[in-house]
C-alpha atoms as a PDB file:
ATOM      1  CA  MET A   1      17.221  37.265-131.078  1.00  0.00           C
ATOM      2  CA  GLN A   2      16.173  37.968-134.650  1.00  0.00           C
ATOM      3  CA  TYR A   3      18.270  39.924-137.161  1.00  0.00           C
ATOM      4  CA  ILE A   4      17.456  41.557-140.470  1.00  0.00           C
ATOM      5  CA  SER A   5      19.298  42.790-143.536  1.00  0.00           C
ATOM      6  CA  ARG A   6      17.989  44.559-146.605  1.00  0.00           C
ATOM      7  CA  TYR A   7      19.034  43.594-150.122  1.00  0.00           C
ATOM      8  CA  ALA A   8      18.523  45.576-153.320  1.00  0.00           C
ATOM      9  CA  SER A   9      17.691  43.080-156.059  1.00  0.00           C
ATOM     10  CA  PRO A  10      16.998  43.764-159.750  1.00  0.00           C
ATOM     11  CA  LEU A  11      13.374  42.787-158.995  1.00  0.00           C
ATOM     12  CA  GLY A  12      12.910  45.066-155.982  1.00  0.00           C
ATOM     13  CA  GLY A  13      13.924  45.336-152.367  1.00  0.00           C
ATOM     14  CA  ILE A  14      14.251  42.186-150.303  1.00  0.00           C
ATOM     15  CA  LEU A  15      14.108  41.813-146.549  1.00  0.00           C
ATOM     16  CA  LEU A  16      16.167  38.981-145.088  1.00  0.00           C
ATOM     17  CA  ALA A  17      15.586  37.691-141.552  1.00  0.00           C
ATOM     18  CA  ALA A  18      17.566  35.213-139.492  1.00  0.00           C
ATOM     19  CA  ASP A  19      18.018  34.000-135.961  1.00  0.00           C
ATOM     20  CA  ASP A  20      20.710  31.897-134.338  1.00  0.00           C
ATOM     21  CA  ALA A  21      19.368  28.778-136.101  1.00  0.00           C
ATOM     22  CA  GLY A  22      19.548  30.235-139.639  1.00  0.00           C
ATOM     23  CA  LEU A  23      17.727  32.228-142.300  1.00  0.00           C
ATOM     24  CA  PHE A  24      13.967  32.123-141.718  1.00  0.00           C
ATOM     25  CA  GLY A  25      12.737  34.849-144.033  1.00  0.00           C
ATOM     26  CA  LEU A  26      13.373  36.243-147.509  1.00  0.00           C
ATOM     27  CA  TRP A  27      10.571  38.481-148.711  1.00  0.00           C
ATOM     28  CA  PHE A  28      10.209  40.903-151.590  1.00  0.00           C
ATOM     29  CA  GLU A  29       8.956  44.226-150.256  1.00  0.00           C
ATOM     30  CA  GLY A  30       5.181  44.379-150.476  1.00  0.00           C
ATOM     31  CA  GLN A  31       4.633  40.689-151.121  1.00  0.00           C
ATOM     32  CA  LYS A  32       1.821  38.708-149.517  1.00  0.00           C
ATOM     33  CA  TYR A  33       2.744  37.487-145.998  1.00  0.00           C
ATOM     34  CA  PHE A  34       5.607  40.022-145.854  1.00  0.00           C
ATOM     35  CA  ALA A  35       7.751  39.528-142.726  1.00  0.00           C
ATOM     36  CA  ARG A  36       5.273  36.924-141.452  1.00  0.00           C
ATOM     37  CA  CYS A  37       7.711  35.234-139.025  1.00  0.00           C
ATOM     38  CA  LEU A  38       9.518  38.376-137.897  1.00  0.00           C
ATOM     39  CA  GLN A  39       8.783  39.326-134.274  1.00  0.00           C
ATOM     40  CA  PRO A  40      10.050  42.507-132.628  1.00  0.00           C
ATOM     41  CA  PRO A  41      12.451  43.237-131.155  1.00  0.00           C
ATOM     42  CA  PHE A  42      14.933  42.540-133.943  1.00  0.00           C
ATOM     43  CA  GLU A  43      18.216  44.083-134.889  1.00  0.00           C
ATOM     44  CA  GLU A  44      19.579  45.157-138.253  1.00  0.00           C
ATOM     45  CA  ARG A  45      22.950  43.381-138.268  1.00  0.00           C
ATOM     46  CA  LEU A  46      24.761  41.225-140.812  1.00  0.00           C
ATOM     47  CA  THR A  47      25.063  37.818-139.158  1.00  0.00           C
ATOM     48  CA  ALA A  48      26.650  34.738-140.758  1.00  0.00           C
ATOM     49  CA  PRO A  49      23.319  33.359-142.112  1.00  0.00           C
ATOM     50  CA  LEU A  50      22.378  36.783-143.520  1.00  0.00           C
ATOM     51  CA  ALA A  51      25.812  37.189-145.140  1.00  0.00           C
ATOM     52  CA  ALA A  52      25.463  33.717-146.690  1.00  0.00           C
ATOM     53  CA  ALA A  53      21.998  34.626-148.025  1.00  0.00           C
ATOM     54  CA  ARG A  54      23.364  37.860-149.530  1.00  0.00           C
ATOM     55  CA  ARG A  55      26.161  35.892-151.282  1.00  0.00           C
ATOM     56  CA  TRP A  56      23.548  33.427-152.575  1.00  0.00           C
ATOM     57  CA  LEU A  57      21.436  36.291-153.930  1.00  0.00           C
ATOM     58  CA  ASP A  58      24.462  37.952-155.536  1.00  0.00           C
ATOM     59  CA  ALA A  59      25.286  34.696-157.345  1.00  0.00           C
ATOM     60  CA  TYR A  60      21.644  34.056-158.295  1.00  0.00           C
ATOM     61  CA  PHE A  61      20.988  37.518-159.733  1.00  0.00           C
ATOM     62  CA  SER A  62      24.304  37.357-161.615  1.00  0.00           C
ATOM     63  CA  GLY A  63      22.875  34.400-163.553  1.00  0.00           C
ATOM     64  CA  GLY A  64      24.704  31.746-161.558  1.00  0.00           C
ATOM     65  CA  ARG A  65      23.390  28.577-159.997  1.00  0.00           C
ATOM     66  CA  PRO A  66      24.268  29.097-156.344  1.00  0.00           C
ATOM     67  CA  THR A  67      24.688  26.114-154.083  1.00  0.00           C
ATOM     68  CA  LEU A  68      22.652  25.971-150.927  1.00  0.00           C
ATOM     69  CA  ASP A  69      25.239  26.904-148.318  1.00  0.00           C
ATOM     70  CA  VAL A  70      22.779  29.096-146.448  1.00  0.00           C
ATOM     71  CA  PRO A  71      21.715  27.679-143.062  1.00  0.00           C
ATOM     72  CA  LEU A  72      17.908  27.610-143.139  1.00  0.00           C
ATOM     73  CA  HIS A  73      15.473  27.721-140.221  1.00  0.00           C
ATOM     74  CA  LEU A  74      12.166  26.621-141.713  1.00  0.00           C
ATOM     75  CA  ILE A  75       9.305  27.755-139.462  1.00  0.00           C
ATOM     76  CA  GLY A  76       6.091  25.860-140.142  1.00  0.00           C
ATOM     77  CA  THR A  77       4.159  22.659-139.612  1.00  0.00           C
ATOM     78  CA  PRO A  78       5.781  19.308-140.385  1.00  0.00           C
ATOM     79  CA  PHE A  79       3.670  19.117-143.569  1.00  0.00           C
ATOM     80  CA  GLN A  80       4.756  22.585-144.691  1.00  0.00           C
ATOM     81  CA  LYS A  81       8.394  21.689-144.068  1.00  0.00           C
ATOM     82  CA  ASP A  82       7.965  18.544-146.188  1.00  0.00           C
ATOM     83  CA  VAL A  83       6.537  20.655-149.024  1.00  0.00           C
ATOM     84  CA  TRP A  84       9.317  23.253-148.755  1.00  0.00           C
ATOM     85  CA  GLN A  85      11.928  20.490-148.831  1.00  0.00           C
ATOM     86  CA  ALA A  86      10.276  19.139-151.995  1.00  0.00           C
ATOM     87  CA  LEU A  87      10.522  22.615-153.539  1.00  0.00           C
ATOM     88  CA  CYS A  88      14.282  22.537-152.940  1.00  0.00           C
ATOM     89  CA  GLU A  89      14.407  19.403-155.100  1.00  0.00           C
ATOM     90  CA  ILE A  90      13.046  21.228-158.170  1.00  0.00           C
ATOM     91  CA  PRO A  91      16.108  21.861-160.348  1.00  0.00           C
ATOM     92  CA  TYR A  92      17.242  25.344-161.313  1.00  0.00           C
ATOM     93  CA  GLY A  93      15.590  26.376-164.567  1.00  0.00           C
ATOM     94  CA  ARG A  94      12.795  23.805-164.312  1.00  0.00           C
ATOM     95  CA  THR A  95       9.206  23.951-163.140  1.00  0.00           C
ATOM     96  CA  ALA A  96       6.954  21.443-161.420  1.00  0.00           C
ATOM     97  CA  THR A  97       3.198  21.412-161.002  1.00  0.00           C
ATOM     98  CA  TYR A  98       1.461  21.458-157.642  1.00  0.00           C
ATOM     99  CA  GLY A  99       0.375  17.882-158.401  1.00  0.00           C
ATOM    100  CA  GLU A 100       3.960  16.784-159.040  1.00  0.00           C
ATOM    101  CA  VAL A 101       5.081  18.334-155.769  1.00  0.00           C
ATOM    102  CA  ALA A 102       2.159  16.574-154.046  1.00  0.00           C
ATOM    103  CA  GLN A 103       3.369  13.241-155.473  1.00  0.00           C
ATOM    104  CA  THR A 104       6.909  13.922-154.191  1.00  0.00           C
ATOM    105  CA  VAL A 105       5.638  14.779-150.710  1.00  0.00           C
ATOM    106  CA  ALA A 106       3.276  11.777-150.721  1.00  0.00           C
ATOM    107  CA  SER A 107       6.130   9.430-151.585  1.00  0.00           C
ATOM    108  CA  HIS A 108       8.136  10.705-148.600  1.00  0.00           C
ATOM    109  CA  ARG A 109       5.135  10.567-146.262  1.00  0.00           C
ATOM    110  CA  CYS A 110       3.720   7.277-147.604  1.00  0.00           C
ATOM    111  CA  ALA A 111       0.294   8.897-147.639  1.00  0.00           C
ATOM    112  CA  PRO A 112      -1.817  10.700-150.247  1.00  0.00           C
ATOM    113  CA  VAL A 113      -1.351  14.469-150.501  1.00  0.00           C
ATOM    114  CA  SER A 114      -3.579  16.862-152.399  1.00  0.00           C
ATOM    115  CA  ALA A 115      -2.301  19.503-154.802  1.00  0.00           C
ATOM    116  CA  ARG A 116      -4.486  22.037-152.991  1.00  0.00           C
ATOM    117  CA  ALA A 117      -2.781  21.294-149.660  1.00  0.00           C
ATOM    118  CA  VAL A 118       0.574  21.706-151.385  1.00  0.00           C
ATOM    119  CA  GLY A 119      -0.578  25.029-152.818  1.00  0.00           C
ATOM    120  CA  ASN A 120      -1.467  26.279-149.354  1.00  0.00           C
ATOM    121  CA  ALA A 121       1.949  25.277-148.021  1.00  0.00           C
ATOM    122  CA  VAL A 122       3.767  26.762-151.014  1.00  0.00           C
ATOM    123  CA  GLY A 123       1.960  30.045-150.386  1.00  0.00           C
ATOM    124  CA  ARG A 124       3.255  30.123-146.810  1.00  0.00           C
ATOM    125  CA  ASN A 125       6.901  29.661-147.798  1.00  0.00           C
ATOM    126  CA  ALA A 126       8.777  32.443-145.981  1.00  0.00           C
ATOM    127  CA  ILE A 127      12.118  31.919-147.756  1.00  0.00           C
ATOM    128  CA  SER A 128      11.356  32.933-151.342  1.00  0.00           C
ATOM    129  CA  LEU A 129      13.930  32.171-154.051  1.00  0.00           C
ATOM    130  CA  ILE A 130      16.198  29.986-151.911  1.00  0.00           C
ATOM    131  CA  VAL A 131      13.219  27.692-151.280  1.00  0.00           C
ATOM    132  CA  PRO A 132      12.088  28.056-154.900  1.00  0.00           C
ATOM    133  CA  CYS A 133       8.318  28.378-154.781  1.00  0.00           C
ATOM    134  CA  HIS A 134       8.495  30.425-158.009  1.00  0.00           C
ATOM    135  CA  ARG A 135       9.185  27.138-159.851  1.00  0.00           C
ATOM    136  CA  VAL A 136       5.731  25.723-159.069  1.00  0.00           C
ATOM    137  CA  VAL A 137       3.011  26.199-161.697  1.00  0.00           C
ATOM    138  CA  GLY A 138      -0.530  25.013-162.265  1.00  0.00           C
ATOM    139  CA  ALA A 139      -1.148  21.760-164.144  1.00  0.00           C
ATOM    140  CA  ASN A 140      -2.407  23.787-167.124  1.00  0.00           C
ATOM    141  CA  GLY A 141       0.659  26.066-167.161  1.00  0.00           C
ATOM    142  CA  SER A 142      -0.906  28.850-165.093  1.00  0.00           C
ATOM    143  CA  LEU A 143       1.574  31.041-163.219  1.00  0.00           C
ATOM    144  CA  THR A 144      -0.821  31.353-160.318  1.00  0.00           C
ATOM    145  CA  GLY A 145       0.209  31.359-156.703  1.00  0.00           C
ATOM    146  CA  TYR A 146       3.346  33.454-156.210  1.00  0.00           C
ATOM    147  CA  ALA A 147       3.222  35.799-153.200  1.00  0.00           C
ATOM    148  CA  GLY A 148       5.789  38.088-154.861  1.00  0.00           C
ATOM    149  CA  GLY A 149       3.515  38.616-157.871  1.00  0.00           C
ATOM    150  CA  ILE A 150       3.043  36.880-161.204  1.00  0.00           C
ATOM    151  CA  ASP A 151       5.266  39.353-163.088  1.00  0.00           C
ATOM    152  CA  ARG A 152       8.130  38.698-160.706  1.00  0.00           C
ATOM    153  CA  LYS A 153       7.566  34.923-160.935  1.00  0.00           C
ATOM    154  CA  LEU A 154       7.858  35.059-164.716  1.00  0.00           C
ATOM    155  CA  ARG A 155      11.005  37.205-164.504  1.00  0.00           C
ATOM    156  CA  LEU A 156      12.616  34.747-162.064  1.00  0.00           C
ATOM    157  CA  LEU A 157      11.878  31.823-164.366  1.00  0.00           C
ATOM    158  CA  ALA A 158      13.282  33.798-167.321  1.00  0.00           C
ATOM    159  CA  LEU A 159      16.424  34.558-165.285  1.00  0.00           C
ATOM    160  CA  GLU A 160      16.842  30.798-164.823  1.00  0.00           C
ATOM    161  CA  HIS A 161      16.261  30.233-168.588  1.00  0.00           C
ATOM    162  CA  ALA A 162      13.273  28.029-167.781  1.00  0.00           C
ATOM    163  CA  ASP A 163      11.018  27.040-170.672  1.00  0.00           C
ATOM    164  CA  THR A 164       8.141  29.511-170.236  1.00  0.00           C
ATOM    165  CA  HIS A 165       6.526  29.273-173.662  1.00  0.00           C
ATOM    166  CA  ALA A 166       3.524  27.263-172.373  1.00  0.00           C
ATOM    167  CA  LEU A 167       3.083  29.302-169.186  1.00  0.00           C
ATOM    168  CA  PHE A 168       0.499  32.040-168.802  1.00  0.00           C
ATOM    169  CA  ALA A 169      -0.839  34.455-166.207  1.00  0.00           C
ATOM    170  CA  PRO A 170      -4.286  33.845-164.724  1.00  0.00           C
ATOM    171  CA  GLY A 171      -6.960  35.425-166.909  1.00  0.00           C
ATOM    172  CA  GLN A 172      -4.953  34.878-170.076  1.00  0.00           C
ATOM    173  CA  LYS A 173      -5.291  32.017-172.511  1.00  0.00           C
ATOM    174  CA  ALA A 174      -2.805  29.168-172.474  1.00  0.00           C
ATOM    175  CA  ALA A 175      -0.281  29.091-175.291  1.00  0.00           C
ATOM    176  CA  PRO A 176      -1.316  26.783-178.153  1.00  0.00           C
END
């Protein structure tokens, strides 16, 4: 059985989804791939994984650095799961490029990995924020590639006090 809970964040409504294995979805309302893994019938009920995710979000949006005590149920291919695990290794308040994430994944897999393949997997991450895909940027500092929107990505990085001076939205010029 799948369960949902809604969360009102400072950056908009969030839908959380979990099953008996753990949290498998955290989507901002209206984002790309919204509720991608959610299959009816589901029930709106606060289960242990959903309560843990809500506590994590409370701590995060209060400016804290929450620890990952949320049981996760990553739904994807083995490659996608490797990429999502690499995202969890990006420290709070820091960013990494798609190429850097590709190098991390390649070192674990002992095989070359392309930044483009990483980008595709990052885009399919169903557990936004907790699996921090907002911390991945283009090699040139472009804020491209966040399903929740570029504005929201920049606000999340600012919340984490990340160095954003060299980052820019697609279509804008890079900072000098």
